C-alpha cells in the first residue's frame, strides 16, 4: 500500500528546500533590515503551501516543476 506522503521522498524535500532558500535569499537581498520573525514566517508560509501542492503532484496530477512554481507563486501572493 502506497501513500501520497512519504517522508523519505526527495521531491518533498526538494520543494521545501527550494522554498526555504527563496525566503532566505529574498530576506538577504531586501533593503529592509533582516528580521528573523519575518524570515521564519516566510519559510513556514512556503511549507504550508508546498505540502498540499506536493501531495496533489504526488497523486499524479502535476509534475514536480509545476508544484515548485505553484508553491513559490502562492507563497509570494500570500498576504503579509
PDB file of N, CA and C in Angstrom:
ATOM      1  N   UNK A   1       0.835  -1.174   0.000  1.00  0.00           N
ATOM      2  CA  UNK A   1       0.000   0.000   0.000  1.00  0.00           C
ATOM      3  C   UNK A   1       0.886   1.245   0.000  1.00  0.00           C
ATOM      4  N   UNK A   2       0.716   2.099  -0.966  1.00  0.00           N
ATOM      5  CA  UNK A   2       1.494   3.328  -1.062  1.00  0.00           C
ATOM      6  C   UNK A   2       0.643   4.511  -0.629  1.00  0.00           C
ATOM      7  N   UNK A   3       1.265   5.424   0.087  1.00  0.00           N
ATOM      8  CA  UNK A   3       0.571   6.649   0.475  1.00  0.00           C
ATOM      9  C   UNK A   3       1.143   7.808  -0.318  1.00  0.00           C
ATOM     10  N   UNK A   4       0.409   8.897  -0.368  1.00  0.00           N
ATOM     11  CA  UNK A   4       0.861  10.061  -1.132  1.00  0.00           C
ATOM     12  C   UNK A   4       2.052  10.731  -0.466  1.00  0.00           C
ATOM     13  N   UNK A   5       2.057  10.782   0.857  1.00  0.00           N
ATOM     14  CA  UNK A   5       3.144  11.458   1.566  1.00  0.00           C
ATOM     15  C   UNK A   5       4.099  10.411   2.118  1.00  0.00           C
ATOM     16  N   UNK A   6       5.333  10.477   1.678  1.00  0.00           N
ATOM     17  CA  UNK A   6       6.398   9.629   2.189  1.00  0.00           C
ATOM     18  C   UNK A   6       7.520  10.554   2.618  1.00  0.00           C
ATOM     19  N   UNK A   7       7.926  10.455   3.870  1.00  0.00           N
ATOM     20  CA  UNK A   7       8.916  11.385   4.388  1.00  0.00           C
ATOM     21  C   UNK A   7      10.287  11.183   3.760  1.00  0.00           C
ATOM     22  N   UNK A   8      10.538  10.037   3.162  1.00  0.00           N
ATOM     23  CA  UNK A   8      11.808   9.795   2.509  1.00  0.00           C
ATOM     24  C   UNK A   8      11.820  10.232   1.059  1.00  0.00           C
ATOM     25  N   UNK A   9      10.722  10.797   0.592  1.00  0.00           N
ATOM     26  CA  UNK A   9      10.619  11.199  -0.808  1.00  0.00           C
ATOM     27  C   UNK A   9      11.475  12.436  -1.062  1.00  0.00           C
ATOM     28  N   UNK A  10      12.454  12.349  -1.963  1.00  0.00           N
ATOM     29  CA  UNK A  10      13.325  13.502  -2.208  1.00  0.00           C
ATOM     30  C   UNK A  10      12.603  14.678  -2.859  1.00  0.00           C
ATOM     31  N   UNK A  11      11.503  14.437  -3.557  1.00  0.00           N
ATOM     32  CA  UNK A  11      10.782  15.547  -4.180  1.00  0.00           C
ATOM     33  C   UNK A  11      10.212  16.494  -3.137  1.00  0.00           C
ATOM     34  N   UNK A  12       9.668  15.960  -2.052  1.00  0.00           N
ATOM     35  CA  UNK A  12       9.126  16.805  -0.989  1.00  0.00           C
ATOM     36  C   UNK A  12      10.228  17.659  -0.389  1.00  0.00           C
ATOM     37  N   UNK A  13      11.368  17.050  -0.110  1.00  0.00           N
ATOM     38  CA  UNK A  13      12.467  17.797   0.495  1.00  0.00           C
ATOM     39  C   UNK A  13      13.031  18.814  -0.481  1.00  0.00           C
ATOM     40  N   UNK A  14      13.029  18.510  -1.778  1.00  0.00           N
ATOM     41  CA  UNK A  14      13.487  19.472  -2.778  1.00  0.00           C
ATOM     42  C   UNK A  14      12.581  20.693  -2.796  1.00  0.00           C
ATOM     43  N   UNK A  15      11.277  20.476  -2.769  1.00  0.00           N
ATOM     44  CA  UNK A  15      10.327  21.594  -2.755  1.00  0.00           C
ATOM     45  C   UNK A  15      10.529  22.444  -1.508  1.00  0.00           C
ATOM     46  N   UNK A  16      10.620  21.804  -0.350  1.00  0.00           N
ATOM     47  CA  UNK A  16      10.790  22.550   0.894  1.00  0.00           C
ATOM     48  C   UNK A  16      12.120  23.296   0.928  1.00  0.00           C
ATOM     49  N   UNK A  17      13.188  22.672   0.451  1.00  0.00           N
ATOM     50  CA  UNK A  17      14.495  23.320   0.424  1.00  0.00           C
ATOM     51  C   UNK A  17      14.502  24.519  -0.512  1.00  0.00           C
ATOM     52  N   UNK A  18      13.892  24.385  -1.682  1.00  0.00           N
ATOM     53  CA  UNK A  18      13.867  25.500  -2.631  1.00  0.00           C
ATOM     54  C   UNK A  18      13.053  26.669  -2.092  1.00  0.00           C
ATOM     55  N   UNK A  19      11.941  26.388  -1.427  1.00  0.00           N
ATOM     56  CA  UNK A  19      11.140  27.467  -0.854  1.00  0.00           C
ATOM     57  C   UNK A  19      11.865  28.147   0.301  1.00  0.00           C
ATOM     58  N   UNK A  20      12.553  27.360   1.127  1.00  0.00           N
ATOM     59  CA  UNK A  20      13.320  27.946   2.225  1.00  0.00           C
ATOM     60  C   UNK A  20      14.467  28.790   1.679  1.00  0.00           C
ATOM     61  N   UNK A  21      15.147  28.300   0.651  1.00  0.00           N
ATOM     62  CA  UNK A  21      16.237  29.066   0.041  1.00  0.00           C
ATOM     63  C   UNK A  21      15.712  30.355  -0.576  1.00  0.00           C
ATOM     64  N   UNK A  22      14.543  30.302  -1.181  1.00  0.00           N
ATOM     65  CA  UNK A  22      13.947  31.511  -1.748  1.00  0.00           C
ATOM     66  C   UNK A  22      13.614  32.534  -0.684  1.00  0.00           C
ATOM     67  N   UNK A  23      13.085  32.089   0.445  1.00  0.00           N
ATOM     68  CA  UNK A  23      12.756  33.012   1.536  1.00  0.00           C
ATOM     69  C   UNK A  23      14.019  33.639   2.119  1.00  0.00           C
ATOM     70  N   UNK A  24      15.057  32.834   2.299  1.00  0.00           N
ATOM     71  CA  UNK A  24      16.312  33.347   2.850  1.00  0.00           C
ATOM     72  C   UNK A  24      16.961  34.327   1.883  1.00  0.00           C
ATOM     73  N   UNK A  25      17.031  33.989   0.601  1.00  0.00           N
ATOM     74  CA  UNK A  25      17.658  34.893  -0.364  1.00  0.00           C
ATOM     75  C   UNK A  25      16.859  36.180  -0.505  1.00  0.00           C
ATOM     76  N   UNK A  26      15.536  36.091  -0.445  1.00  0.00           N
ATOM     77  CA  UNK A  26      14.708  37.291  -0.504  1.00  0.00           C
ATOM     78  C   UNK A  26      14.991  38.200   0.686  1.00  0.00           C
ATOM     79  N   UNK A  27      15.136  37.610   1.870  1.00  0.00           N
ATOM     80  CA  UNK A  27      15.420  38.406   3.068  1.00  0.00           C
ATOM     81  C   UNK A  27      16.804  39.039   2.993  1.00  0.00           C
ATOM     82  N   UNK A  28      17.774  38.303   2.472  1.00  0.00           N
ATOM     83  CA  UNK A  28      19.138  38.831   2.399  1.00  0.00           C
ATOM     84  C   UNK A  28      19.285  39.906   1.331  1.00  0.00           C
ATOM     85  N   UNK A  29      18.501  39.820   0.259  1.00  0.00           N
ATOM     86  CA  UNK A  29      18.592  40.804  -0.817  1.00  0.00           C
ATOM     87  C   UNK A  29      17.691  42.013  -0.589  1.00  0.00           C
ATOM     88  N   UNK A  30      16.886  41.985   0.440  1.00  0.00           N
ATOM     89  CA  UNK A  30      15.959  43.074   0.724  1.00  0.00           C
ATOM     90  C   UNK A  30      16.712  44.289   1.258  1.00  0.00           C
ATOM     91  N   UNK A  31      16.158  45.478   0.992  1.00  0.00           N
ATOM     92  CA  UNK A  31      16.758  46.701   1.528  1.00  0.00           C
ATOM     93  C   UNK A  31      16.370  46.911   2.985  1.00  0.00           C
ATOM     94  N   UNK A  32      15.331  46.209   3.435  1.00  0.00           N
ATOM     95  CA  UNK A  32      14.923  46.293   4.842  1.00  0.00           C
ATOM     96  C   UNK A  32      15.893  45.494   5.704  1.00  0.00           C
ATOM     97  N   UNK A  33      16.038  45.882   6.972  1.00  0.00           N
ATOM     98  CA  UNK A  33      16.912  45.099   7.858  1.00  0.00           C
ATOM     99  C   UNK A  33      16.394  43.671   8.035  1.00  0.00           C
ATOM    100  N   UNK A  34      17.316  42.765   8.286  1.00  0.00           N
ATOM    101  CA  UNK A  34      16.967  41.353   8.446  1.00  0.00           C
ATOM    102  C   UNK A  34      16.107  41.168   9.694  1.00  0.00           C
ATOM    103  N   UNK A  35      14.949  40.575   9.504  1.00  0.00           N
ATOM    104  CA  UNK A  35      14.019  40.330  10.602  1.00  0.00           C
ATOM    105  C   UNK A  35      13.785  38.822  10.675  1.00  0.00           C
ATOM    106  N   UNK A  36      14.241  38.210  11.749  1.00  0.00           N
ATOM    107  CA  UNK A  36      14.156  36.753  11.893  1.00  0.00           C
ATOM    108  C   UNK A  36      12.704  36.284  11.918  1.00  0.00           C
ATOM    109  N   UNK A  37      11.822  37.026  12.585  1.00  0.00           N
ATOM    110  CA  UNK A  37      10.408  36.621  12.642  1.00  0.00           C
ATOM    111  C   UNK A  37       9.791  36.584  11.247  1.00  0.00           C
ATOM    112  N   UNK A  38      10.106  37.579  10.429  1.00  0.00           N
ATOM    113  CA  UNK A  38       9.555  37.592   9.071  1.00  0.00           C
ATOM    114  C   UNK A  38      10.149  36.455   8.243  1.00  0.00           C
ATOM    115  N   UNK A  39      11.442  36.203   8.405  1.00  0.00           N
ATOM    116  CA  UNK A  39      12.098  35.119   7.679  1.00  0.00           C
ATOM    117  C   UNK A  39      11.470  33.770   8.033  1.00  0.00           C
ATOM    118  N   UNK A  40      11.255  33.528   9.315  1.00  0.00           N
ATOM    119  CA  UNK A  40      10.620  32.273   9.743  1.00  0.00           C
ATOM    120  C   UNK A  40       9.197  32.196   9.209  1.00  0.00           C
ATOM    121  N   UNK A  41       8.488  33.328   9.223  1.00  0.00           N
ATOM    122  CA  UNK A  41       7.126  33.361   8.685  1.00  0.00           C
ATOM    123  C   UNK A  41       7.086  33.041   7.206  1.00  0.00           C
ATOM    124  N   UNK A  42       8.046  33.584   6.443  1.00  0.00           N
ATOM    125  CA  UNK A  42       8.100  33.297   5.005  1.00  0.00           C
ATOM    126  C   UNK A  42       8.374  31.820   4.746  1.00  0.00           C
ATOM    127  N   UNK A  43       9.294  31.245   5.508  1.00  0.00           N
ATOM    128  CA  UNK A  43       9.610  29.823   5.336  1.00  0.00           C
ATOM    129  C   UNK A  43       8.394  28.966   5.693  1.00  0.00           C
ATOM    130  N   UNK A  44       7.746  29.269   6.805  1.00  0.00           N
ATOM    131  CA  UNK A  44       6.561  28.496   7.204  1.00  0.00           C
ATOM    132  C   UNK A  44       5.423  28.650   6.202  1.00  0.00           C
ATOM    133  N   UNK A  45       5.260  29.843   5.665  1.00  0.00           N
ATOM    134  CA  UNK A  45       4.226  30.066   4.653  1.00  0.00           C
ATOM    135  C   UNK A  45       4.511  29.203   3.426  1.00  0.00           C
ATOM    136  N   UNK A  46       5.756  29.142   3.007  1.00  0.00           N
ATOM    137  CA  UNK A  46       6.119  28.287   1.880  1.00  0.00           C
ATOM    138  C   UNK A  46       5.877  26.816   2.162  1.00  0.00           C
ATOM    139  N   UNK A  47       6.188  26.383   3.388  1.00  0.00           N
ATOM    140  CA  UNK A  47       5.973  24.981   3.761  1.00  0.00           C
ATOM    141  C   UNK A  47       4.485  24.654   3.778  1.00  0.00           C
ATOM    142  N   UNK A  48       3.686  25.555   4.348  1.00  0.00           N
ATOM    143  CA  UNK A  48       2.239  25.330   4.408  1.00  0.00           C
ATOM    144  C   UNK A  48       1.653  25.214   3.011  1.00  0.00           C
ATOM    145  N   UNK A  49       2.144  26.017   2.092  1.00  0.00           N
ATOM    146  CA  UNK A  49       1.640  25.977   0.718  1.00  0.00           C
ATOM    147  C   UNK A  49       2.188  24.767  -0.025  1.00  0.00           C
ATOM    148  N   UNK A  50       3.446  24.406   0.222  1.00  0.00           N
ATOM    149  CA  UNK A  50       4.097  23.356  -0.562  1.00  0.00           C
ATOM    150  C   UNK A  50       3.549  21.965  -0.283  1.00  0.00           C
ATOM    151  N   UNK A  51       3.215  21.671   0.952  1.00  0.00           N
ATOM    152  CA  UNK A  51       2.807  20.305   1.282  1.00  0.00           C
ATOM    153  C   UNK A  51       1.518  19.896   0.574  1.00  0.00           C
ATOM    154  N   UNK A  52       0.442  20.708   0.595  1.00  0.00           N
ATOM    155  CA  UNK A  52      -0.751  20.291  -0.170  1.00  0.00           C
ATOM    156  C   UNK A  52      -0.496  20.226  -1.674  1.00  0.00           C
ATOM    157  N   UNK A  53       0.300  21.166  -2.186  1.00  0.00           N
ATOM    158  CA  UNK A  53       0.601  21.134  -3.617  1.00  0.00           C
ATOM    159  C   UNK A  53       1.436  19.911  -3.967  1.00  0.00           C
ATOM    160  N   UNK A  54       2.403  19.561  -3.111  1.00  0.00           N
ATOM    161  CA  UNK A  54       3.221  18.385  -3.376  1.00  0.00           C
ATOM    162  C   UNK A  54       2.360  17.132  -3.331  1.00  0.00           C
ATOM    163  N   UNK A  55       1.433  17.070  -2.375  1.00  0.00           N
ATOM    164  CA  UNK A  55       0.543  15.914  -2.285  1.00  0.00           C
ATOM    165  C   UNK A  55      -0.279  15.780  -3.555  1.00  0.00           C
ATOM    166  N   UNK A  56      -0.773  16.912  -4.049  1.00  0.00           N
ATOM    167  CA  UNK A  56      -1.527  16.913  -5.304  1.00  0.00           C
ATOM    168  C   UNK A  56      -0.648  16.394  -6.444  1.00  0.00           C
ATOM    169  N   UNK A  57       0.600  16.844  -6.492  1.00  0.00           N
ATOM    170  CA  UNK A  57       1.523  16.386  -7.523  1.00  0.00           C
ATOM    171  C   UNK A  57       1.902  14.931  -7.358  1.00  0.00           C
ATOM    172  N   UNK A  58       2.023  14.464  -6.104  1.00  0.00           N
ATOM    173  CA  UNK A  58       2.387  13.066  -5.856  1.00  0.00           C
ATOM    174  C   UNK A  58       1.285  12.117  -6.309  1.00  0.00           C
ATOM    175  N   UNK A  59       0.077  12.604  -6.364  1.00  0.00           N
ATOM    176  CA  UNK A  59      -1.026  11.773  -6.830  1.00  0.00           C
ATOM    177  C   UNK A  59      -1.050  11.671  -8.352  1.00  0.00           C
ATOM    178  N   UNK A  60      -0.130  12.358  -9.025  1.00  0.00           N
ATOM    179  CA  UNK A  60      -0.010  12.234 -10.470  1.00  0.00           C
ATOM    180  C   UNK A  60      -0.716  13.303 -11.269  1.00  0.00           C
ATOM    181  N   UNK A  61      -1.154  14.363 -10.604  1.00  0.00           N
ATOM    182  CA  UNK A  61      -1.883  15.407 -11.310  1.00  0.00           C
ATOM    183  C   UNK A  61      -0.984  16.545 -11.792  1.00  0.00           C
ATOM    184  N   UNK A  62       0.256  16.606 -11.320  1.00  0.00           N
ATOM    185  CA  UNK A  62       1.153  17.697 -11.700  1.00  0.00           C
ATOM    186  C   UNK A  62       2.592  17.207 -11.613  1.00  0.00           C
ATOM    187  N   UNK A  63       3.467  17.831 -12.390  1.00  0.00           N
ATOM    188  CA  UNK A  63       4.888  17.490 -12.327  1.00  0.00           C
ATOM    189  C   UNK A  63       5.528  18.230 -11.153  1.00  0.00           C
ATOM    190  N   UNK A  64       6.724  17.812 -10.760  1.00  0.00           N
ATOM    191  CA  UNK A  64       7.412  18.452  -9.644  1.00  0.00           C
ATOM    192  C   UNK A  64       7.727  19.906  -9.978  1.00  0.00           C
ATOM    193  N   UNK A  65       8.035  20.212 -11.235  1.00  0.00           N
ATOM    194  CA  UNK A  65       8.306  21.595 -11.629  1.00  0.00           C
ATOM    195  C   UNK A  65       7.059  22.457 -11.451  1.00  0.00           C
ATOM    196  N   UNK A  66       5.904  21.956 -11.838  1.00  0.00           N
ATOM    197  CA  UNK A  66       4.663  22.714 -11.657  1.00  0.00           C
ATOM    198  C   UNK A  66       4.367  22.926 -10.179  1.00  0.00           C
ATOM    199  N   UNK A  67       4.638  21.931  -9.356  1.00  0.00           N
ATOM    200  CA  UNK A  67       4.404  22.065  -7.920  1.00  0.00           C
ATOM    201  C   UNK A  67       5.316  23.133  -7.330  1.00  0.00           C
ATOM    202  N   UNK A  68       6.600  23.142  -7.719  1.00  0.00           N
ATOM    203  CA  UNK A  68       7.542  24.142  -7.211  1.00  0.00           C
ATOM    204  C   UNK A  68       7.111  25.539  -7.635  1.00  0.00           C
ATOM    205  N   UNK A  69       6.744  25.702  -8.891  1.00  0.00           N
ATOM    206  CA  UNK A  69       6.324  27.017  -9.387  1.00  0.00           C
ATOM    207  C   UNK A  69       5.055  27.478  -8.682  1.00  0.00           C
ATOM    208  N   UNK A  70       4.061  26.609  -8.574  1.00  0.00           N
ATOM    209  CA  UNK A  70       2.813  26.984  -7.906  1.00  0.00           C
ATOM    210  C   UNK A  70       3.025  27.293  -6.429  1.00  0.00           C
ATOM    211  N   UNK A  71       3.864  26.515  -5.758  1.00  0.00           N
ATOM    212  CA  UNK A  71       4.125  26.771  -4.341  1.00  0.00           C
ATOM    213  C   UNK A  71       4.837  28.106  -4.154  1.00  0.00           C
ATOM    214  N   UNK A  72       5.801  28.391  -5.011  1.00  0.00           N
ATOM    215  CA  UNK A  72       6.504  29.671  -4.923  1.00  0.00           C
ATOM    216  C   UNK A  72       5.592  30.848  -5.191  1.00  0.00           C
ATOM    217  N   UNK A  73       4.775  30.747  -6.226  1.00  0.00           N
ATOM    218  CA  UNK A  73       3.847  31.831  -6.538  1.00  0.00           C
ATOM    219  C   UNK A  73       2.807  32.004  -5.439  1.00  0.00           C
ATOM    220  N   UNK A  74       2.339  30.914  -4.876  1.00  0.00           N
ATOM    221  CA  UNK A  74       1.353  31.003  -3.797  1.00  0.00           C
ATOM    222  C   UNK A  74       1.961  31.631  -2.546  1.00  0.00           C
ATOM    223  N   UNK A  75       3.196  31.283  -2.242  1.00  0.00           N
ATOM    224  CA  UNK A  75       3.853  31.856  -1.067  1.00  0.00           C
ATOM    225  C   UNK A  75       4.090  33.350  -1.252  1.00  0.00           C
ATOM    226  N   UNK A  76       4.431  33.763  -2.469  1.00  0.00           N
ATOM    227  CA  UNK A  76       4.654  35.181  -2.739  1.00  0.00           C
ATOM    228  C   UNK A  76       3.336  35.951  -2.692  1.00  0.00           C
ATOM    229  N   UNK A  77       2.272  35.342  -3.203  1.00  0.00           N
ATOM    230  CA  UNK A  77       0.981  36.023  -3.270  1.00  0.00           C
ATOM    231  C   UNK A  77       0.251  36.041  -1.933  1.00  0.00           C
ATOM    232  N   UNK A  78       0.689  35.235  -0.972  1.00  0.00           N
ATOM    233  CA  UNK A  78       0.044  35.181   0.343  1.00  0.00           C
ATOM    234  C   UNK A  78       0.162  36.559   0.994  1.00  0.00           C
ATOM    235  N   UNK A  79      -0.926  37.133   1.490  1.00  0.00           N
ATOM    236  CA  UNK A  79      -0.844  38.487   2.081  1.00  0.00           C
ATOM    237  C   UNK A  79       0.043  38.516   3.319  1.00  0.00           C
ATOM    238  N   UNK A  80       0.810  39.574   3.428  1.00  0.00           N
ATOM    239  CA  UNK A  80       1.728  39.735   4.567  1.00  0.00           C
ATOM    240  C   UNK A  80       1.024  40.508   5.659  1.00  0.00           C
TER     241      UNK A  80
END
